[in-house]
PDB file of N, CA and C in Angstrom:
ATOM      1  N   MET A   1      36.039 -15.482 -19.734  1.00  0.00           N
ATOM      2  CA  MET A   1      34.660 -15.369 -19.292  1.00  0.00           C
ATOM      3  C   MET A   1      33.625 -15.245 -20.672  1.00  0.00           C
ATOM      4  N   PRO A   2      32.620 -16.298 -20.135  1.00  0.00           N
ATOM      5  CA  PRO A   2      31.502 -16.244 -20.947  1.00  0.00           C
ATOM      6  C   PRO A   2      30.365 -15.187 -21.374  1.00  0.00           C
ATOM      7  N   GLN A   3      30.405 -14.388 -22.458  1.00  0.00           N
ATOM      8  CA  GLN A   3      28.999 -13.431 -22.529  1.00  0.00           C
ATOM      9  C   GLN A   3      27.640 -14.168 -22.500  1.00  0.00           C
ATOM     10  N   LEU A   4      27.015 -13.677 -22.056  1.00  0.00           N
ATOM     11  CA  LEU A   4      25.368 -14.177 -22.269  1.00  0.00           C
ATOM     12  C   LEU A   4      24.755 -13.077 -23.152  1.00  0.00           C
ATOM     13  N   ASN A   5      23.995 -14.175 -24.110  1.00  0.00           N
ATOM     14  CA  ASN A   5      23.005 -13.104 -25.263  1.00  0.00           C
ATOM     15  C   ASN A   5      21.922 -12.396 -24.427  1.00  0.00           C
ATOM     16  N   PRO A   6      22.084 -11.174 -24.305  1.00  0.00           N
ATOM     17  CA  PRO A   6      20.942 -10.740 -23.244  1.00  0.00           C
ATOM     18  C   PRO A   6      19.352 -10.752 -23.759  1.00  0.00           C
ATOM     19  N   ALA A   7      19.376 -11.068 -25.652  1.00  0.00           N
ATOM     20  CA  ALA A   7      17.977 -11.251 -26.128  1.00  0.00           C
ATOM     21  C   ALA A   7      16.872 -11.642 -25.364  1.00  0.00           C
ATOM     22  N   PRO A   8      17.175 -13.542 -25.184  1.00  0.00           N
ATOM     23  CA  PRO A   8      15.976 -13.922 -24.418  1.00  0.00           C
ATOM     24  C   PRO A   8      16.002 -13.573 -23.015  1.00  0.00           C
ATOM     25  N   TRP A   9      17.061 -13.188 -22.123  1.00  0.00           N
ATOM     26  CA  TRP A   9      16.687 -13.252 -20.805  1.00  0.00           C
ATOM     27  C   TRP A   9      15.937 -11.523 -20.675  1.00  0.00           C
ATOM     28  N   PHE A  10      16.315 -10.522 -21.793  1.00  0.00           N
ATOM     29  CA  PHE A  10      15.713  -9.191 -21.672  1.00  0.00           C
ATOM     30  C   PHE A  10      14.088  -9.383 -21.827  1.00  0.00           C
ATOM     31  N   ALA A  11      13.683 -10.539 -22.717  1.00  0.00           N
ATOM     32  CA  ALA A  11      12.222 -11.043 -23.270  1.00  0.00           C
ATOM     33  C   ALA A  11      11.525 -11.327 -21.673  1.00  0.00           C
ATOM     34  N   ILE A  12      12.383 -12.400 -21.167  1.00  0.00           N
ATOM     35  CA  ILE A  12      11.785 -13.097 -20.346  1.00  0.00           C
ATOM     36  C   ILE A  12      11.611 -12.002 -19.094  1.00  0.00           C
ATOM     37  N   LEU A  13      12.706 -11.368 -18.673  1.00  0.00           N
ATOM     38  CA  LEU A  13      12.157  -9.684 -17.877  1.00  0.00           C
ATOM     39  C   LEU A  13      11.036  -8.864 -18.099  1.00  0.00           C
ATOM     40  N   VAL A  14      10.966  -8.505 -19.341  1.00  0.00           N
ATOM     41  CA  VAL A  14       9.848  -7.842 -19.698  1.00  0.00           C
ATOM     42  C   VAL A  14       8.413  -8.419 -19.552  1.00  0.00           C
ATOM     43  N   PHE A  15       8.617  -9.670 -20.383  1.00  0.00           N
ATOM     44  CA  PHE A  15       7.024 -10.423 -20.226  1.00  0.00           C
ATOM     45  C   PHE A  15       6.530 -11.008 -18.544  1.00  0.00           C
ATOM     46  N   SER A  16       7.687 -11.023 -17.775  1.00  0.00           N
ATOM     47  CA  SER A  16       7.538 -11.291 -16.692  1.00  0.00           C
ATOM     48  C   SER A  16       6.687 -10.127 -15.944  1.00  0.00           C
ATOM     49  N   TRP A  17       7.207  -9.103 -16.079  1.00  0.00           N
ATOM     50  CA  TRP A  17       6.939  -7.965 -15.253  1.00  0.00           C
ATOM     51  C   TRP A  17       5.535  -7.511 -16.049  1.00  0.00           C
ATOM     52  N   LEU A  18       5.501  -7.699 -17.269  1.00  0.00           N
ATOM     53  CA  LEU A  18       3.851  -7.477 -18.122  1.00  0.00           C
ATOM     54  C   LEU A  18       2.987  -8.281 -17.373  1.00  0.00           C
ATOM     55  N   VAL A  19       3.316  -9.382 -16.637  1.00  0.00           N
ATOM     56  CA  VAL A  19       2.455 -10.588 -16.386  1.00  0.00           C
ATOM     57  C   VAL A  19       2.283  -9.784 -15.008  1.00  0.00           C
ATOM     58  N   PHE A  20       2.740  -9.572 -14.354  1.00  0.00           N
ATOM     59  CA  PHE A  20       3.241  -9.214 -12.446  1.00  0.00           C
ATOM     60  C   PHE A  20       1.987  -8.049 -12.382  1.00  0.00           C
ATOM     61  N   LEU A  21       2.450  -7.226 -13.701  1.00  0.00           N
ATOM     62  CA  LEU A  21       1.230  -5.663 -13.445  1.00  0.00           C
ATOM     63  C   LEU A  21       0.213  -5.802 -14.083  1.00  0.00           C
ATOM     64  N   THR A  22      -0.071  -6.879 -14.636  1.00  0.00           N
ATOM     65  CA  THR A  22      -1.436  -6.983 -15.298  1.00  0.00           C
ATOM     66  C   THR A  22      -2.189  -7.930 -14.436  1.00  0.00           C
ATOM     67  N   VAL A  23      -1.725  -8.867 -13.937  1.00  0.00           N
ATOM     68  CA  VAL A  23      -2.271  -9.998 -12.971  1.00  0.00           C
ATOM     69  C   VAL A  23      -2.315  -9.417 -11.697  1.00  0.00           C
ATOM     70  N   LEU A  24      -1.494  -9.461 -11.030  1.00  0.00           N
ATOM     71  CA  LEU A  24      -1.569  -8.949  -9.742  1.00  0.00           C
ATOM     72  C   LEU A  24      -2.264  -8.141  -8.958  1.00  0.00           C
ATOM     73  N   PRO A  25      -2.499  -6.731  -9.427  1.00  0.00           N
ATOM     74  CA  PRO A  25      -2.860  -5.697  -8.665  1.00  0.00           C
ATOM     75  C   PRO A  25      -4.428  -5.718  -8.671  1.00  0.00           C
ATOM     76  N   PRO A  26      -5.043  -6.318  -9.773  1.00  0.00           N
ATOM     77  CA  PRO A  26      -6.534  -6.465  -9.595  1.00  0.00           C
ATOM     78  C   PRO A  26      -6.959  -7.615  -8.366  1.00  0.00           C
ATOM     79  N   LYS A  27      -5.809  -8.570  -8.229  1.00  0.00           N
ATOM     80  CA  LYS A  27      -5.920  -9.606  -7.537  1.00  0.00           C
ATOM     81  C   LYS A  27      -5.965  -8.724  -5.780  1.00  0.00           C
ATOM     82  N   ILE A  28      -5.064  -8.128  -5.834  1.00  0.00           N
ATOM     83  CA  ILE A  28      -4.672  -7.267  -4.404  1.00  0.00           C
ATOM     84  C   ILE A  28      -5.408  -6.205  -4.314  1.00  0.00           C
ATOM     85  N   LEU A  29      -6.289  -5.729  -5.100  1.00  0.00           N
ATOM     86  CA  LEU A  29      -6.946  -4.509  -4.926  1.00  0.00           C
ATOM     87  C   LEU A  29      -8.506  -5.178  -4.406  1.00  0.00           C
ATOM     88  N   ASN A  30      -8.913  -6.339  -4.910  1.00  0.00           N
ATOM     89  CA  ASN A  30     -10.190  -7.018  -4.565  1.00  0.00           C
ATOM     90  C   ASN A  30     -10.390  -7.362  -2.996  1.00  0.00           C
ATOM     91  N   HIS A  31      -9.169  -7.329  -2.213  1.00  0.00           N
ATOM     92  CA  HIS A  31      -9.270  -7.438  -1.142  1.00  0.00           C
ATOM     93  C   HIS A  31      -9.855  -6.408  -0.202  1.00  0.00           C
ATOM     94  N   SER A  32     -10.764  -6.836   0.909  1.00  0.00           N
ATOM     95  CA  SER A  32     -11.326  -5.940   1.429  1.00  0.00           C
ATOM     96  C   SER A  32     -10.796  -5.546   2.996  1.00  0.00           C
ATOM     97  N   PHE A  33     -10.754  -4.564   3.363  1.00  0.00           N
ATOM     98  CA  PHE A  33      -9.729  -4.363   4.539  1.00  0.00           C
ATOM     99  C   PHE A  33     -11.033  -4.250   5.690  1.00  0.00           C
ATOM    100  N   PRO A  34     -10.651  -5.136   6.588  1.00  0.00           N
ATOM    101  CA  PRO A  34     -11.879  -5.164   8.155  1.00  0.00           C
ATOM    102  C   PRO A  34     -11.965  -3.669   8.860  1.00  0.00           C
ATOM    103  N   ASN A  35     -10.559  -3.003   8.455  1.00  0.00           N
ATOM    104  CA  ASN A  35     -10.392  -1.820   9.552  1.00  0.00           C
ATOM    105  C   ASN A  35     -10.529  -0.368   8.583  1.00  0.00           C
ATOM    106  N   ASP A  36     -11.508  -0.199   7.812  1.00  0.00           N
ATOM    107  CA  ASP A  36     -11.823   0.633   7.173  1.00  0.00           C
ATOM    108  C   ASP A  36     -11.563   2.019   7.893  1.00  0.00           C
ATOM    109  N   PRO A  37     -11.242   3.026   7.444  1.00  0.00           N
ATOM    110  CA  PRO A  37     -11.529   4.454   8.253  1.00  0.00           C
ATOM    111  C   PRO A  37     -12.573   4.854   8.168  1.00  0.00           C
ATOM    112  N   THR A  38     -13.011   5.547   9.410  1.00  0.00           N
ATOM    113  CA  THR A  38     -14.319   6.369   9.026  1.00  0.00           C
ATOM    114  C   THR A  38     -14.122   7.567   9.294  1.00  0.00           C
ATOM    115  N   THR A  39     -14.922   8.584   8.643  1.00  0.00           N
ATOM    116  CA  THR A  39     -14.841   9.908   8.805  1.00  0.00           C
ATOM    117  C   THR A  39     -15.173  10.517  10.071  1.00  0.00           C
ATOM    118  N   GLN A  40     -13.992  11.449  10.719  1.00  0.00           N
ATOM    119  CA  GLN A  40     -14.855  11.852  11.939  1.00  0.00           C
ATOM    120  C   GLN A  40     -15.088  13.218  11.553  1.00  0.00           C
ATOM    121  N   SER A  41     -15.992  13.710  12.476  1.00  0.00           N
ATOM    122  CA  SER A  41     -16.861  15.190  12.566  1.00  0.00           C
ATOM    123  C   SER A  41     -15.761  16.057  12.683  1.00  0.00           C
ATOM    124  N   THR A  42     -15.904  17.377  11.743  1.00  0.00           N
ATOM    125  CA  THR A  42     -15.089  18.368  11.692  1.00  0.00           C
ATOM    126  C   THR A  42     -15.197  19.444  12.943  1.00  0.00           C
ATOM    127  N   GLU A  43     -16.470  18.868  13.592  1.00  0.00           N
ATOM    128  CA  GLU A  43     -16.567  19.821  14.806  1.00  0.00           C
ATOM    129  C   GLU A  43     -15.195  19.673  15.791  1.00  0.00           C
ATOM    130  N   LYS A  44     -14.883  21.005  16.305  1.00  0.00           N
ATOM    131  CA  LYS A  44     -13.638  21.026  17.066  1.00  0.00           C
ATOM    132  C   LYS A  44     -14.097  20.948  18.710  1.00  0.00           C
ATOM    133  N   THR A  45     -13.651  19.835  19.686  1.00  0.00           N
ATOM    134  CA  THR A  45     -13.993  19.496  20.559  1.00  0.00           C
ATOM    135  C   THR A  45     -13.503  20.665  21.835  1.00  0.00           C
ATOM    136  N   LYS A  46     -14.243  21.093  22.771  1.00  0.00           N
ATOM    137  CA  LYS A  46     -13.231  22.157  23.977  1.00  0.00           C
ATOM    138  C   LYS A  46     -12.674  21.391  24.674  1.00  0.00           C
ATOM    139  N   PRO A  47     -11.372  21.552  24.615  1.00  0.00           N
ATOM    140  CA  PRO A  47     -10.606  20.371  25.691  1.00  0.00           C
ATOM    141  C   PRO A  47     -10.943  20.828  27.395  1.00  0.00           C
ATOM    142  N   GLU A  48     -10.922  19.669  27.785  1.00  0.00           N
ATOM    143  CA  GLU A  48     -11.595  19.851  29.313  1.00  0.00           C
ATOM    144  C   GLU A  48     -10.417  20.365  30.215  1.00  0.00           C
ATOM    145  N   PRO A  49     -10.599  21.143  31.157  1.00  0.00           N
ATOM    146  CA  PRO A  49      -9.604  21.570  31.792  1.00  0.00           C
ATOM    147  C   PRO A  49      -9.373  20.288  32.866  1.00  0.00           C
ATOM    148  N   TRP A  50      -8.069  20.073  33.341  1.00  0.00           N
ATOM    149  CA  TRP A  50      -7.294  19.036  34.482  1.00  0.00           C
ATOM    150  C   TRP A  50      -7.317  19.725  35.572  1.00  0.00           C
ATOM    151  N   ASN A  51      -8.279  18.897  36.507  1.00  0.00           N
ATOM    152  CA  ASN A  51      -8.490  19.783  38.028  1.00  0.00           C
ATOM    153  C   ASN A  51      -7.851  18.732  38.679  1.00  0.00           C
ATOM    154  N   TRP A  52      -6.429  18.822  38.460  1.00  0.00           N
ATOM    155  CA  TRP A  52      -5.344  18.022  39.285  1.00  0.00           C
ATOM    156  C   TRP A  52      -5.132  18.762  40.455  1.00  0.00           C
ATOM    157  N   PRO A  53      -5.182  18.174  42.048  1.00  0.00           N
ATOM    158  CA  PRO A  53      -4.354  18.910  42.863  1.00  0.00           C
ATOM    159  C   PRO A  53      -2.797  18.639  42.772  1.00  0.00           C
ATOM    160  N   TRP A  54      -2.298  20.236  42.861  1.00  0.00           N
ATOM    161  CA  TRP A  54      -0.899  19.938  42.689  1.00  0.00           C
ATOM    162  C   TRP A  54      -0.169  20.328  43.921  1.00  0.00           C
ATOM    163  N   HIS A  55       0.475  19.355  44.308  1.00  0.00           N
ATOM    164  CA  HIS A  55       0.808  19.433  45.491  1.00  0.00           C
ATOM    165  C   HIS A  55       2.168  19.628  45.508  1.00  0.00           C
TER     166      HIS A  55
END
């Protein structure tokens, strides 16, 4: 069973991850999301009682 020399494959792996981690995150973070969450008021609303007829 032939053994592969890990030196070039490890360098390719590290270089590719370095490229992915330096190039892709700024591109992804530049996107704007259409549904930005809005802050809600901190006031608690009183629950309305249900006036259903119980038959």
